[in-house]
Amino acid sequence: MLFYSIIMLVSLATALLPVFTKVLSRYMPSTKFHRASIFLPIIAGTLFFISFFLPDIHISNETSTFQQHFVGGGLYAGLLYYYVRNLLATHRIKWWQDAVLLFMWVSALGVASELLEFSLLKFHILYIDTTDTQWDLLANTLGAFMVFSAHQLATVVNSTFFRSHRIR
């Protein structure tokens, strides 16, 4: 029951990030928040929730949660990264800097997730199989790489479209 409560709480908190941001901007008027799509955290929260109910794709005998970490770890972290980056961005960054920052972001969230699993196990709160940590971190990274690739593709298509349809 506690496990599903945590899933619901994280999913809901993620989906409500735009609301929290508006409230936070009232209490921190010196912090400038830029425009960011409200759909990114809503989609991220939905993916996080759905990821726990996806069937096992059985990529290896060493893991049974690869799809869960790919979707609920990697895609989730990637979408949140672009939301936060757009919210706080003050200047454009190069694609490789974006890739490095996203890798650091997803790695930090992935390690935090694994530490939470380890803590819940050691404090006898929940039993979670922690023998597949390497697979979990790989799945998180691949999911985030997929979001990065989609973002880069959208950026190229968008700039090509507007360049070819420029009004003179």
N, C-alpha and C. Protein backbone atom coordinates (compact mmCIF):
# COMPACT_ATOMS: atom_id res chain seq x y z
N MET A 1 0.83 -1.20 0.00
CA MET A 1 0.00 0.00 0.00
C MET A 1 0.87 1.26 0.00
N LEU A 2 1.93 1.24 0.81
CA LEU A 2 2.84 2.38 0.87
C LEU A 2 3.49 2.64 -0.48
N PHE A 3 3.87 1.56 -1.16
CA PHE A 3 4.52 1.66 -2.46
C PHE A 3 3.62 2.40 -3.46
N TYR A 4 2.34 2.02 -3.53
CA TYR A 4 1.41 2.67 -4.45
C TYR A 4 1.09 4.10 -4.03
N SER A 5 1.13 4.36 -2.74
CA SER A 5 0.93 5.73 -2.26
C SER A 5 2.08 6.63 -2.72
N ILE A 6 3.30 6.11 -2.68
CA ILE A 6 4.46 6.88 -3.13
C ILE A 6 4.36 7.15 -4.63
N ILE A 7 3.94 6.14 -5.39
CA ILE A 7 3.77 6.30 -6.84
C ILE A 7 2.75 7.40 -7.13
N MET A 8 1.63 7.35 -6.46
CA MET A 8 0.57 8.35 -6.66
C MET A 8 1.05 9.74 -6.27
N LEU A 9 1.75 9.84 -5.16
CA LEU A 9 2.23 11.13 -4.68
C LEU A 9 3.22 11.75 -5.65
N VAL A 10 4.18 10.97 -6.12
CA VAL A 10 5.18 11.48 -7.07
C VAL A 10 4.52 11.86 -8.39
N SER A 11 3.61 11.04 -8.88
CA SER A 11 2.91 11.33 -10.13
C SER A 11 2.11 12.61 -10.04
N LEU A 12 1.37 12.75 -8.97
CA LEU A 12 0.54 13.94 -8.78
C LEU A 12 1.39 15.19 -8.57
N ALA A 13 2.42 15.10 -7.76
CA ALA A 13 3.31 16.25 -7.53
C ALA A 13 3.98 16.69 -8.83
N THR A 14 4.36 15.73 -9.66
CA THR A 14 4.99 16.05 -10.94
C THR A 14 4.00 16.75 -11.86
N ALA A 15 2.80 16.21 -11.97
CA ALA A 15 1.79 16.81 -12.85
C ALA A 15 1.40 18.21 -12.40
N LEU A 16 1.51 18.47 -11.09
CA LEU A 16 1.13 19.78 -10.56
C LEU A 16 2.30 20.77 -10.47
N LEU A 17 3.45 20.42 -11.02
CA LEU A 17 4.60 21.33 -10.99
C LEU A 17 4.30 22.73 -11.55
N PRO A 18 3.53 22.86 -12.64
CA PRO A 18 3.22 24.22 -13.11
C PRO A 18 2.47 25.06 -12.07
N VAL A 19 1.60 24.42 -11.30
CA VAL A 19 0.88 25.13 -10.25
C VAL A 19 1.84 25.55 -9.14
N PHE A 20 2.71 24.61 -8.74
CA PHE A 20 3.71 24.93 -7.71
C PHE A 20 4.62 26.06 -8.17
N THR A 21 4.96 26.07 -9.45
CA THR A 21 5.83 27.11 -9.99
C THR A 21 5.17 28.48 -9.90
N LYS A 22 3.88 28.55 -10.21
CA LYS A 22 3.16 29.82 -10.10
C LYS A 22 3.13 30.32 -8.66
N VAL A 23 2.85 29.42 -7.74
CA VAL A 23 2.82 29.79 -6.32
C VAL A 23 4.21 30.22 -5.86
N LEU A 24 5.22 29.47 -6.27
CA LEU A 24 6.60 29.78 -5.90
C LEU A 24 7.03 31.14 -6.43
N SER A 25 6.59 31.48 -7.62
CA SER A 25 6.97 32.78 -8.20
C SER A 25 6.38 33.95 -7.41
N ARG A 26 5.27 33.73 -6.73
CA ARG A 26 4.69 34.79 -5.89
C ARG A 26 5.53 35.04 -4.64
N TYR A 27 6.10 33.94 -4.09
CA TYR A 27 6.90 34.05 -2.87
C TYR A 27 8.37 34.35 -3.14
N MET A 28 8.78 34.20 -4.39
CA MET A 28 10.16 34.48 -4.77
C MET A 28 10.16 35.40 -6.00
N PRO A 29 9.74 36.64 -5.82
CA PRO A 29 9.61 37.54 -6.98
C PRO A 29 10.95 37.85 -7.66
N SER A 30 12.06 37.66 -6.97
CA SER A 30 13.35 37.95 -7.57
C SER A 30 13.79 36.84 -8.54
N THR A 31 13.16 35.67 -8.43
CA THR A 31 13.49 34.57 -9.33
C THR A 31 12.66 34.70 -10.59
N LYS A 32 13.33 34.75 -11.73
CA LYS A 32 12.64 34.89 -13.02
C LYS A 32 12.41 33.51 -13.61
N PHE A 33 11.14 33.13 -13.73
CA PHE A 33 10.79 31.88 -14.40
C PHE A 33 10.40 32.20 -15.82
N HIS A 34 10.97 31.47 -16.76
CA HIS A 34 10.66 31.66 -18.16
C HIS A 34 9.49 30.78 -18.55
N ARG A 35 9.05 30.94 -19.76
CA ARG A 35 7.91 30.17 -20.25
C ARG A 35 8.33 28.72 -20.49
N ALA A 36 7.53 27.80 -19.98
CA ALA A 36 7.78 26.37 -20.19
C ALA A 36 6.44 25.68 -20.40
N SER A 37 6.43 24.67 -21.24
CA SER A 37 5.20 23.94 -21.55
C SER A 37 4.66 23.23 -20.32
N ILE A 38 3.39 23.46 -20.01
CA ILE A 38 2.79 22.79 -18.86
C ILE A 38 2.55 21.31 -19.14
N PHE A 39 2.61 20.93 -20.41
CA PHE A 39 2.34 19.54 -20.76
C PHE A 39 3.50 18.61 -20.40
N LEU A 40 4.72 19.13 -20.33
CA LEU A 40 5.87 18.27 -20.02
C LEU A 40 5.73 17.61 -18.65
N PRO A 41 5.46 18.35 -17.57
CA PRO A 41 5.30 17.66 -16.28
C PRO A 41 4.03 16.81 -16.19
N ILE A 42 3.00 17.19 -16.91
CA ILE A 42 1.77 16.37 -16.90
C ILE A 42 2.03 15.04 -17.58
N ILE A 43 2.71 15.08 -18.73
CA ILE A 43 3.05 13.83 -19.43
C ILE A 43 4.04 13.02 -18.59
N ALA A 44 5.02 13.69 -17.98
CA ALA A 44 6.01 12.99 -17.14
C ALA A 44 5.33 12.28 -15.98
N GLY A 45 4.43 12.97 -15.28
CA GLY A 45 3.71 12.36 -14.16
C GLY A 45 2.87 11.18 -14.59
N THR A 46 2.23 11.30 -15.75
CA THR A 46 1.42 10.20 -16.28
C THR A 46 2.30 9.00 -16.64
N LEU A 47 3.43 9.26 -17.28
CA LEU A 47 4.35 8.18 -17.63
C LEU A 47 4.90 7.49 -16.39
N PHE A 48 5.20 8.28 -15.36
CA PHE A 48 5.71 7.70 -14.12
C PHE A 48 4.68 6.73 -13.54
N PHE A 49 3.43 7.14 -13.51
CA PHE A 49 2.36 6.30 -12.96
C PHE A 49 2.18 5.03 -13.80
N ILE A 50 2.10 5.21 -15.11
CA ILE A 50 1.87 4.08 -16.02
C ILE A 50 3.01 3.08 -15.98
N SER A 51 4.23 3.57 -15.78
CA SER A 51 5.41 2.69 -15.84
C SER A 51 5.35 1.52 -14.86
N PHE A 52 4.67 1.69 -13.75
CA PHE A 52 4.61 0.63 -12.75
C PHE A 52 3.63 -0.49 -13.12
N PHE A 53 2.87 -0.28 -14.17
CA PHE A 53 1.89 -1.27 -14.59
C PHE A 53 2.22 -1.87 -15.96
N LEU A 54 3.38 -1.52 -16.51
CA LEU A 54 3.80 -2.07 -17.79
C LEU A 54 4.25 -3.52 -17.61
N PRO A 55 3.96 -4.37 -18.59
CA PRO A 55 4.42 -5.76 -18.48
C PRO A 55 5.93 -5.86 -18.68
N ASP A 56 6.51 -6.88 -18.11
CA ASP A 56 7.95 -7.12 -18.23
C ASP A 56 8.28 -7.50 -19.67
N ILE A 57 9.28 -6.82 -20.26
CA ILE A 57 9.68 -7.15 -21.63
C ILE A 57 10.77 -8.21 -21.64
N HIS A 58 11.22 -8.62 -20.49
CA HIS A 58 12.22 -9.68 -20.29
C HIS A 58 13.43 -9.50 -21.21
N ILE A 59 14.14 -8.42 -20.99
CA ILE A 59 15.35 -8.14 -21.75
C ILE A 59 16.51 -9.01 -21.29
N SER A 60 16.45 -9.45 -20.03
CA SER A 60 17.50 -10.28 -19.46
C SER A 60 16.95 -10.99 -18.22
N ASN A 61 17.61 -12.08 -17.85
CA ASN A 61 17.22 -12.77 -16.61
C ASN A 61 17.63 -11.98 -15.37
N GLU A 62 18.47 -10.97 -15.57
CA GLU A 62 18.98 -10.18 -14.45
C GLU A 62 18.05 -9.03 -14.04
N THR A 63 17.04 -8.75 -14.85
CA THR A 63 16.14 -7.64 -14.53
C THR A 63 14.71 -7.95 -14.94
N SER A 64 13.78 -7.42 -14.17
CA SER A 64 12.37 -7.53 -14.54
C SER A 64 11.70 -6.16 -14.54
N THR A 65 12.52 -5.10 -14.37
CA THR A 65 11.95 -3.74 -14.30
C THR A 65 12.58 -2.80 -15.33
N PHE A 66 13.15 -3.35 -16.40
CA PHE A 66 13.81 -2.51 -17.40
C PHE A 66 12.82 -1.50 -18.00
N GLN A 67 11.65 -1.98 -18.41
CA GLN A 67 10.65 -1.10 -19.03
C GLN A 67 10.16 -0.06 -18.02
N GLN A 68 10.07 -0.44 -16.77
CA GLN A 68 9.62 0.50 -15.73
C GLN A 68 10.62 1.64 -15.58
N HIS A 69 11.90 1.32 -15.58
CA HIS A 69 12.92 2.36 -15.43
C HIS A 69 13.13 3.14 -16.72
N PHE A 70 12.92 2.51 -17.87
CA PHE A 70 13.03 3.21 -19.14
C PHE A 70 11.97 4.32 -19.23
N VAL A 71 10.73 3.94 -18.90
CA VAL A 71 9.61 4.89 -19.00
C VAL A 71 9.52 5.78 -17.76
N GLY A 72 9.45 5.17 -16.59
CA GLY A 72 9.26 5.91 -15.35
C GLY A 72 10.52 6.53 -14.80
N GLY A 73 11.65 6.17 -15.34
CA GLY A 73 12.93 6.76 -14.93
C GLY A 73 13.47 7.67 -16.02
N GLY A 74 13.75 7.10 -17.19
CA GLY A 74 14.39 7.85 -18.27
C GLY A 74 13.50 8.85 -18.97
N LEU A 75 12.35 8.40 -19.45
CA LEU A 75 11.44 9.34 -20.13
C LEU A 75 10.95 10.40 -19.15
N TYR A 76 10.63 9.96 -17.94
CA TYR A 76 10.17 10.87 -16.89
C TYR A 76 11.23 11.94 -16.61
N ALA A 77 12.46 11.51 -16.36
CA ALA A 77 13.54 12.45 -16.04
C ALA A 77 13.85 13.36 -17.21
N GLY A 78 13.80 12.82 -18.43
CA GLY A 78 14.06 13.64 -19.61
C GLY A 78 13.03 14.74 -19.79
N LEU A 79 11.77 14.41 -19.63
CA LEU A 79 10.72 15.43 -19.76
C LEU A 79 10.82 16.48 -18.65
N LEU A 80 11.11 16.03 -17.44
CA LEU A 80 11.29 16.99 -16.34
C LEU A 80 12.49 17.89 -16.57
N TYR A 81 13.56 17.32 -17.11
CA TYR A 81 14.75 18.11 -17.41
C TYR A 81 14.41 19.25 -18.35
N TYR A 82 13.70 18.96 -19.44
CA TYR A 82 13.37 20.02 -20.41
C TYR A 82 12.39 21.03 -19.83
N TYR A 83 11.52 20.59 -18.94
CA TYR A 83 10.62 21.54 -18.28
C TYR A 83 11.43 22.51 -17.40
N VAL A 84 12.29 21.96 -16.56
CA VAL A 84 13.09 22.79 -15.66
C VAL A 84 14.07 23.66 -16.44
N ARG A 85 14.67 23.09 -17.47
CA ARG A 85 15.63 23.86 -18.29
C ARG A 85 14.94 25.05 -18.94
N ASN A 86 13.75 24.82 -19.50
CA ASN A 86 13.02 25.92 -20.12
C ASN A 86 12.56 26.95 -19.09
N LEU A 87 12.20 26.47 -17.93
CA LEU A 87 11.72 27.35 -16.86
C LEU A 87 12.83 28.27 -16.35
N LEU A 88 14.04 27.74 -16.24
CA LEU A 88 15.15 28.49 -15.65
C LEU A 88 16.16 29.02 -16.67
N ALA A 89 16.02 28.64 -17.93
CA ALA A 89 17.03 28.99 -18.94
C ALA A 89 17.13 30.49 -19.14
N THR A 90 18.36 30.96 -19.14
CA THR A 90 18.60 32.36 -19.42
C THR A 90 19.29 32.55 -20.76
N HIS A 91 19.84 31.47 -21.31
CA HIS A 91 20.48 31.54 -22.61
C HIS A 91 20.46 30.17 -23.27
N ARG A 92 20.71 30.17 -24.57
CA ARG A 92 20.73 28.91 -25.32
C ARG A 92 22.03 28.17 -25.05
N ILE A 93 21.96 26.86 -25.07
CA ILE A 93 23.16 26.06 -24.88
C ILE A 93 23.36 25.16 -26.10
N LYS A 94 24.58 24.74 -26.29
CA LYS A 94 24.91 23.86 -27.41
C LYS A 94 24.34 22.46 -27.16
N TRP A 95 24.17 21.70 -28.23
CA TRP A 95 23.56 20.37 -28.12
C TRP A 95 24.35 19.45 -27.20
N TRP A 96 25.67 19.51 -27.26
CA TRP A 96 26.48 18.61 -26.43
C TRP A 96 26.41 19.02 -24.96
N GLN A 97 26.25 20.32 -24.69
CA GLN A 97 26.08 20.76 -23.30
C GLN A 97 24.73 20.27 -22.77
N ASP A 98 23.73 20.33 -23.64
CA ASP A 98 22.40 19.83 -23.30
C ASP A 98 22.46 18.34 -22.97
N ALA A 99 23.21 17.58 -23.77
CA ALA A 99 23.35 16.14 -23.55
C ALA A 99 24.05 15.85 -22.22
N VAL A 100 25.10 16.60 -21.94
CA VAL A 100 25.84 16.39 -20.68
C VAL A 100 24.97 16.74 -19.47
N LEU A 101 24.27 17.86 -19.55
CA LEU A 101 23.39 18.26 -18.44
C LEU A 101 22.26 17.26 -18.22
N LEU A 102 21.68 16.76 -19.31
CA LEU A 102 20.62 15.77 -19.20
C LEU A 102 21.17 14.47 -18.59
N PHE A 103 22.36 14.07 -19.02
CA PHE A 103 22.97 12.86 -18.45
C PHE A 103 23.20 13.02 -16.95
N MET A 104 23.70 14.19 -16.55
CA MET A 104 23.91 14.44 -15.12
C MET A 104 22.58 14.43 -14.37
N TRP A 105 21.56 15.03 -14.95
CA TRP A 105 20.22 15.10 -14.34
C TRP A 105 19.64 13.69 -14.15
N VAL A 106 19.64 12.90 -15.22
CA VAL A 106 19.04 11.56 -15.14
C VAL A 106 19.87 10.65 -14.24
N SER A 107 21.18 10.84 -14.22
CA SER A 107 22.04 10.04 -13.34
C SER A 107 21.76 10.37 -11.88
N ALA A 108 21.62 11.65 -11.58
CA ALA A 108 21.33 12.06 -10.20
C ALA A 108 19.97 11.52 -9.74
N LEU A 109 18.96 11.62 -10.58
CA LEU A 109 17.65 11.10 -10.21
C LEU A 109 17.66 9.57 -10.12
N GLY A 110 18.40 8.93 -11.01
CA GLY A 110 18.51 7.47 -10.98
C GLY A 110 19.19 6.97 -9.72
N VAL A 111 20.28 7.62 -9.35
CA VAL A 111 20.99 7.23 -8.13
C VAL A 111 20.11 7.51 -6.90
N ALA A 112 19.41 8.63 -6.90
CA ALA A 112 18.51 8.92 -5.78
C ALA A 112 17.42 7.85 -5.67
N SER A 113 16.90 7.42 -6.80
CA SER A 113 15.89 6.37 -6.81
C SER A 113 16.45 5.06 -6.26
N GLU A 114 17.66 4.71 -6.67
CA GLU A 114 18.28 3.47 -6.18
C GLU A 114 18.60 3.56 -4.69
N LEU A 115 19.01 4.73 -4.22
CA LEU A 115 19.26 4.91 -2.79
C LEU A 115 17.97 4.81 -1.98
N LEU A 116 16.88 5.33 -2.55
CA LEU A 116 15.58 5.20 -1.88
C LEU A 116 15.18 3.73 -1.79
N GLU A 117 15.34 3.00 -2.91
CA GLU A 117 15.04 1.56 -2.89
C GLU A 117 15.87 0.84 -1.83
N PHE A 118 17.15 1.15 -1.79
CA PHE A 118 18.06 0.53 -0.82
C PHE A 118 17.63 0.85 0.61
N SER A 119 17.27 2.10 0.86
CA SER A 119 16.83 2.51 2.21
C SER A 119 15.54 1.80 2.62
N LEU A 120 14.59 1.75 1.71
CA LEU A 120 13.33 1.07 2.02
C LEU A 120 13.56 -0.41 2.33
N LEU A 121 14.51 -1.00 1.63
CA LEU A 121 14.86 -2.40 1.87
C LEU A 121 15.55 -2.58 3.22
N LYS A 122 16.53 -1.74 3.52
CA LYS A 122 17.32 -1.90 4.75
C LYS A 122 16.53 -1.55 6.00
N PHE A 123 15.56 -0.65 5.88
CA PHE A 123 14.73 -0.31 7.02
C PHE A 123 13.50 -1.22 7.12
N HIS A 124 13.45 -2.25 6.28
CA HIS A 124 12.40 -3.25 6.29
C HIS A 124 11.01 -2.63 6.08
N ILE A 125 10.97 -1.58 5.28
CA ILE A 125 9.69 -0.95 4.97
C ILE A 125 9.03 -1.67 3.79
N LEU A 126 9.83 -1.94 2.77
CA LEU A 126 9.36 -2.67 1.59
C LEU A 126 10.45 -3.64 1.16
N TYR A 127 10.04 -4.71 0.48
CA TYR A 127 11.04 -5.57 -0.14
C TYR A 127 11.12 -5.18 -1.61
N ILE A 128 12.28 -4.74 -2.02
CA ILE A 128 12.54 -4.37 -3.41
C ILE A 128 13.82 -5.08 -3.82
N ASP A 129 13.76 -5.75 -4.96
CA ASP A 129 14.94 -6.44 -5.48
C ASP A 129 15.94 -5.40 -5.98
N THR A 130 17.07 -5.30 -5.33
CA THR A 130 18.08 -4.29 -5.70
C THR A 130 19.25 -4.90 -6.45
N THR A 131 19.11 -6.12 -6.94
CA THR A 131 20.23 -6.76 -7.64
C THR A 131 20.35 -6.29 -9.09
N ASP A 132 19.37 -5.56 -9.59
CA ASP A 132 19.40 -5.12 -10.98
C ASP A 132 19.71 -3.63 -11.14
N THR A 133 20.44 -3.08 -10.22
CA THR A 133 20.73 -1.64 -10.21
C THR A 133 21.39 -1.17 -11.51
N GLN A 134 22.34 -1.94 -12.02
CA GLN A 134 23.03 -1.54 -13.26
C GLN A 134 22.05 -1.47 -14.42
N TRP A 135 21.15 -2.45 -14.50
CA TRP A 135 20.14 -2.43 -15.55
C TRP A 135 19.20 -1.23 -15.39
N ASP A 136 18.84 -0.92 -14.16
CA ASP A 136 17.97 0.22 -13.90
C ASP A 136 18.60 1.53 -14.38
N LEU A 137 19.88 1.71 -14.05
CA LEU A 137 20.57 2.93 -14.46
C LEU A 137 20.74 2.99 -15.98
N LEU A 138 20.97 1.85 -16.61
CA LEU A 138 21.06 1.80 -18.08
C LEU A 138 19.72 2.18 -18.70
N ALA A 139 18.64 1.62 -18.17
CA ALA A 139 17.30 1.92 -18.69
C ALA A 139 16.97 3.41 -18.52
N ASN A 140 17.32 3.97 -17.37
CA ASN A 140 17.10 5.41 -17.15
C ASN A 140 17.84 6.23 -18.19
N THR A 141 19.10 5.89 -18.44
CA THR A 141 19.92 6.63 -19.39
C THR A 141 19.38 6.50 -20.81
N LEU A 142 18.98 5.29 -21.20
CA LEU A 142 18.43 5.10 -22.55
C LEU A 142 17.11 5.84 -22.74
N GLY A 143 16.27 5.85 -21.73
CA GLY A 143 15.02 6.60 -21.81
C GLY A 143 15.26 8.09 -21.97
N ALA A 144 16.21 8.61 -21.20
CA ALA A 144 16.55 10.03 -21.31
C ALA A 144 17.17 10.33 -22.67
N PHE A 145 18.00 9.41 -23.18
CA PHE A 145 18.59 9.60 -24.51
C PHE A 145 17.51 9.65 -25.58
N MET A 146 16.45 8.88 -25.40
CA MET A 146 15.33 8.92 -26.35
C MET A 146 14.64 10.28 -26.33
N VAL A 147 14.45 10.83 -25.15
CA VAL A 147 13.85 12.17 -25.03
C VAL A 147 14.78 13.21 -25.66
N PHE A 148 16.08 13.09 -25.39
CA PHE A 148 17.07 14.01 -25.97
C PHE A 148 17.03 13.94 -27.50
N SER A 149 17.00 12.73 -28.04
CA SER A 149 16.96 12.56 -29.50
C SER A 149 15.70 13.16 -30.10
N ALA A 150 14.56 12.94 -29.45
CA ALA A 150 13.30 13.51 -29.93
C ALA A 150 13.34 15.03 -29.87
N HIS A 151 13.93 15.57 -28.82
CA HIS A 151 14.04 17.02 -28.69
C HIS A 151 14.94 17.60 -29.78
N GLN A 152 16.07 16.95 -30.02
CA GLN A 152 16.99 17.42 -31.06
C GLN A 152 16.34 17.34 -32.44
N LEU A 153 15.63 16.26 -32.71
CA LEU A 153 14.92 16.11 -33.99
C LEU A 153 13.87 17.19 -34.15
N ALA A 154 13.10 17.44 -33.10
CA ALA A 154 12.08 18.49 -33.15
C ALA A 154 12.71 19.86 -33.37
N THR A 155 13.85 20.10 -32.76
CA THR A 155 14.55 21.37 -32.93
C THR A 155 15.00 21.55 -34.38
N VAL A 156 15.57 20.51 -34.97
CA VAL A 156 16.03 20.57 -36.36
C VAL A 156 14.86 20.76 -37.31
N VAL A 157 13.81 19.97 -37.14
CA VAL A 157 12.63 20.07 -38.01
C VAL A 157 12.00 21.44 -37.87
N ASN A 158 11.90 21.94 -36.66
CA ASN A 158 11.30 23.25 -36.41
C ASN A 158 12.12 24.35 -37.07
N SER A 159 13.43 24.34 -36.89
CA SER A 159 14.25 25.39 -37.46
C SER A 159 14.29 25.30 -38.98
N THR A 160 14.30 24.08 -39.54
CA THR A 160 14.28 23.91 -40.99
C THR A 160 12.97 24.41 -41.56
N PHE A 161 11.86 24.10 -40.89
CA PHE A 161 10.55 24.54 -41.36
C PHE A 161 10.48 26.06 -41.39
N PHE A 162 10.89 26.71 -40.31
CA PHE A 162 10.79 28.16 -40.25
C PHE A 162 11.78 28.84 -41.17
N ARG A 163 12.94 28.22 -41.39
CA ARG A 163 13.92 28.78 -42.32
C ARG A 163 13.39 28.72 -43.75
N SER A 164 12.73 27.61 -44.12
CA SER A 164 12.24 27.45 -45.49
C SER A 164 10.97 28.24 -45.74
N HIS A 165 10.27 28.64 -44.69
CA HIS A 165 9.02 29.39 -44.85
C HIS A 165 9.16 30.83 -44.36
N ARG A 166 10.36 31.33 -44.39
CA ARG A 166 10.60 32.69 -43.93
C ARG A 166 9.97 33.69 -44.89
N ILE A 167 9.28 34.64 -44.34
CA ILE A 167 8.66 35.70 -45.15
C ILE A 167 9.70 36.79 -45.37
N ARG A 168 9.87 37.15 -46.62
CA ARG A 168 10.89 38.16 -46.95
C ARG A 168 10.25 39.50 -47.16
